[in-house]
Amino acid sequence: MWRTQITEAQAGSIMAAGGIPPEMTGISGRVAVILTQSWCPQWKAMDAYLARMAEAKAPETEGLVVFYLCYDLLPFGGEFMRFKETRFSNDQIPFVLYYRDGELKETTNYVSESGFLSIF
């Protein structure tokens, strides 16, 4: 599993593209994009299990790519929040988009570790 924080430039590209660009969604057969805020307790729980999964290198996570963005830390965090809430019609955090072979498969908010893996 590969886990990486979305950069400020990538966040700007997401907004400019009107969604998650193919350069991110097509990087692997299984991609999750998590949009959240740094203070969110549910995000902290997800971040902890994602870190454990990345470290463990379990077979069920092989080829899985996770991008995450704590948009409250961006200089344009309020603008990104409005974009996310409008574009994806979801004002809850964390917000998770699941892509399979570059196509959006499902969206959720907080899910447990087993729930997260079962979506793929």
Protein backbone atom coordinates (compact mmCIF):
# COMPACT_ATOMS: atom_id res chain seq x y z
CA MET A 1 0.00 0.00 0.00
CA TRP A 2 1.18 3.45 -0.89
CA ARG A 3 -0.15 6.37 1.18
CA THR A 4 0.55 10.02 0.39
CA GLN A 5 -0.67 13.46 1.31
CA ILE A 6 -2.16 15.55 -1.50
CA THR A 7 -0.05 18.66 -2.07
CA GLU A 8 -1.34 22.20 -2.24
CA ALA A 9 -0.69 22.18 -6.02
CA GLN A 10 -2.61 18.91 -6.43
CA ALA A 11 -5.52 20.31 -4.38
CA GLY A 12 -5.61 23.30 -6.72
CA SER A 13 -5.59 20.92 -9.70
CA ILE A 14 -8.50 18.98 -8.24
CA MET A 15 -10.51 22.18 -7.99
CA ALA A 16 -9.49 23.33 -11.48
CA ALA A 17 -10.41 19.93 -12.97
CA GLY A 18 -13.73 19.85 -11.14
CA GLY A 19 -12.89 16.50 -9.57
CA ILE A 20 -10.13 14.01 -8.92
CA PRO A 21 -7.94 13.96 -12.05
CA PRO A 22 -7.11 10.75 -13.94
CA GLU A 23 -3.44 11.17 -13.02
CA MET A 24 -4.49 10.27 -9.49
CA THR A 25 -7.39 7.88 -10.05
CA GLY A 26 -5.55 5.86 -12.67
CA ILE A 27 -2.25 5.50 -10.84
CA SER A 28 -3.28 2.02 -9.67
CA GLY A 29 -6.17 -0.41 -9.97
CA ARG A 30 -7.35 0.51 -6.46
CA VAL A 31 -7.23 4.13 -5.33
CA ALA A 32 -8.84 5.86 -2.37
CA VAL A 33 -8.97 9.64 -2.05
CA ILE A 34 -9.76 10.98 1.42
CA LEU A 35 -10.82 14.61 1.86
CA THR A 36 -10.99 15.68 5.48
CA GLN A 37 -9.95 18.15 8.15
CA SER A 38 -6.99 17.60 10.45
CA TRP A 39 -8.92 17.93 13.72
CA CYS A 40 -11.58 15.29 12.88
CA PRO A 41 -11.54 12.34 15.35
CA GLN A 42 -12.84 9.91 12.71
CA TRP A 43 -10.02 11.00 10.38
CA LYS A 44 -7.48 10.42 13.16
CA ALA A 45 -8.83 6.87 13.59
CA MET A 46 -8.65 6.22 9.84
CA ASP A 47 -5.19 7.74 9.60
CA ALA A 48 -4.00 5.41 12.36
CA TYR A 49 -5.28 2.25 10.69
CA LEU A 50 -4.03 3.38 7.27
CA ALA A 51 -0.56 3.91 8.75
CA ARG A 52 -0.67 0.42 10.30
CA MET A 53 -1.80 -1.09 7.00
CA ALA A 54 0.97 0.67 5.06
CA GLU A 55 3.59 -0.51 7.54
CA ALA A 56 2.30 -4.09 7.68
CA LYS A 57 2.45 -4.56 3.90
CA ALA A 58 -0.38 -7.09 4.07
CA PRO A 59 -1.27 -8.93 0.85
CA GLU A 60 -4.79 -7.45 0.77
CA THR A 61 -3.32 -3.95 0.54
CA GLU A 62 -0.86 -4.67 -2.27
CA GLY A 63 -1.38 -2.21 -5.12
CA LEU A 64 -3.66 0.01 -3.05
CA VAL A 65 -2.93 3.74 -3.28
CA VAL A 66 -4.39 6.17 -0.74
CA PHE A 67 -4.29 9.93 -1.24
CA TYR A 68 -5.42 12.15 1.61
CA LEU A 69 -5.95 15.87 2.07
CA CYS A 70 -6.54 17.76 5.31
CA TYR A 71 -7.93 20.78 3.50
CA ASP A 72 -8.28 22.93 6.61
CA LEU A 73 -4.48 23.27 6.48
CA LEU A 74 -4.53 24.79 2.98
CA PRO A 75 -4.31 28.58 2.53
CA PHE A 76 -7.52 28.17 0.48
CA GLY A 77 -9.10 25.62 2.81
CA GLY A 78 -12.49 27.35 2.96
CA GLU A 79 -12.66 27.47 -0.82
CA PHE A 80 -11.70 23.80 -1.07
CA MET A 81 -14.34 22.88 1.52
CA ARG A 82 -17.04 24.67 -0.51
CA PHE A 83 -15.81 22.94 -3.66
CA LYS A 84 -15.89 19.51 -1.98
CA GLU A 85 -19.32 20.03 -0.45
CA THR A 86 -20.78 21.34 -3.72
CA ARG A 87 -19.06 19.03 -6.20
CA PHE A 88 -19.57 15.83 -4.23
CA SER A 89 -22.75 16.84 -2.35
CA ASN A 90 -21.21 15.74 0.94
CA ASP A 91 -20.56 17.98 3.91
CA GLN A 92 -19.33 15.23 6.22
CA ILE A 93 -15.72 14.33 7.02
CA PRO A 94 -13.79 12.30 6.35
CA PHE A 95 -15.13 11.90 2.81
CA VAL A 96 -13.70 8.94 0.92
CA LEU A 97 -13.86 8.31 -2.82
CA TYR A 98 -13.02 4.77 -3.98
CA TYR A 99 -11.73 4.20 -7.51
CA ARG A 100 -11.34 0.86 -9.22
CA ASP A 101 -9.41 0.84 -12.50
CA GLY A 102 -9.79 4.63 -12.73
CA GLU A 103 -13.57 4.65 -12.29
CA LEU A 104 -15.40 5.92 -9.21
CA LYS A 105 -16.86 2.86 -7.53
CA GLU A 106 -18.27 4.25 -4.29
CA THR A 107 -18.10 7.06 -1.76
CA THR A 108 -18.40 6.88 2.01
CA ASN A 109 -17.64 8.84 5.08
CA TYR A 110 -15.82 7.21 8.00
CA VAL A 111 -15.46 3.44 7.71
CA SER A 112 -13.65 0.87 9.83
CA GLU A 113 -10.49 -0.80 8.59
CA SER A 114 -12.35 -3.95 7.49
CA GLY A 115 -15.08 -1.82 5.91
CA PHE A 116 -12.50 0.20 4.01
CA LEU A 117 -10.84 -2.88 2.53
CA SER A 118 -14.16 -4.60 1.73
CA ILE A 119 -15.21 -1.77 -0.60
CA PHE A 120 -12.41 -2.65 -3.00
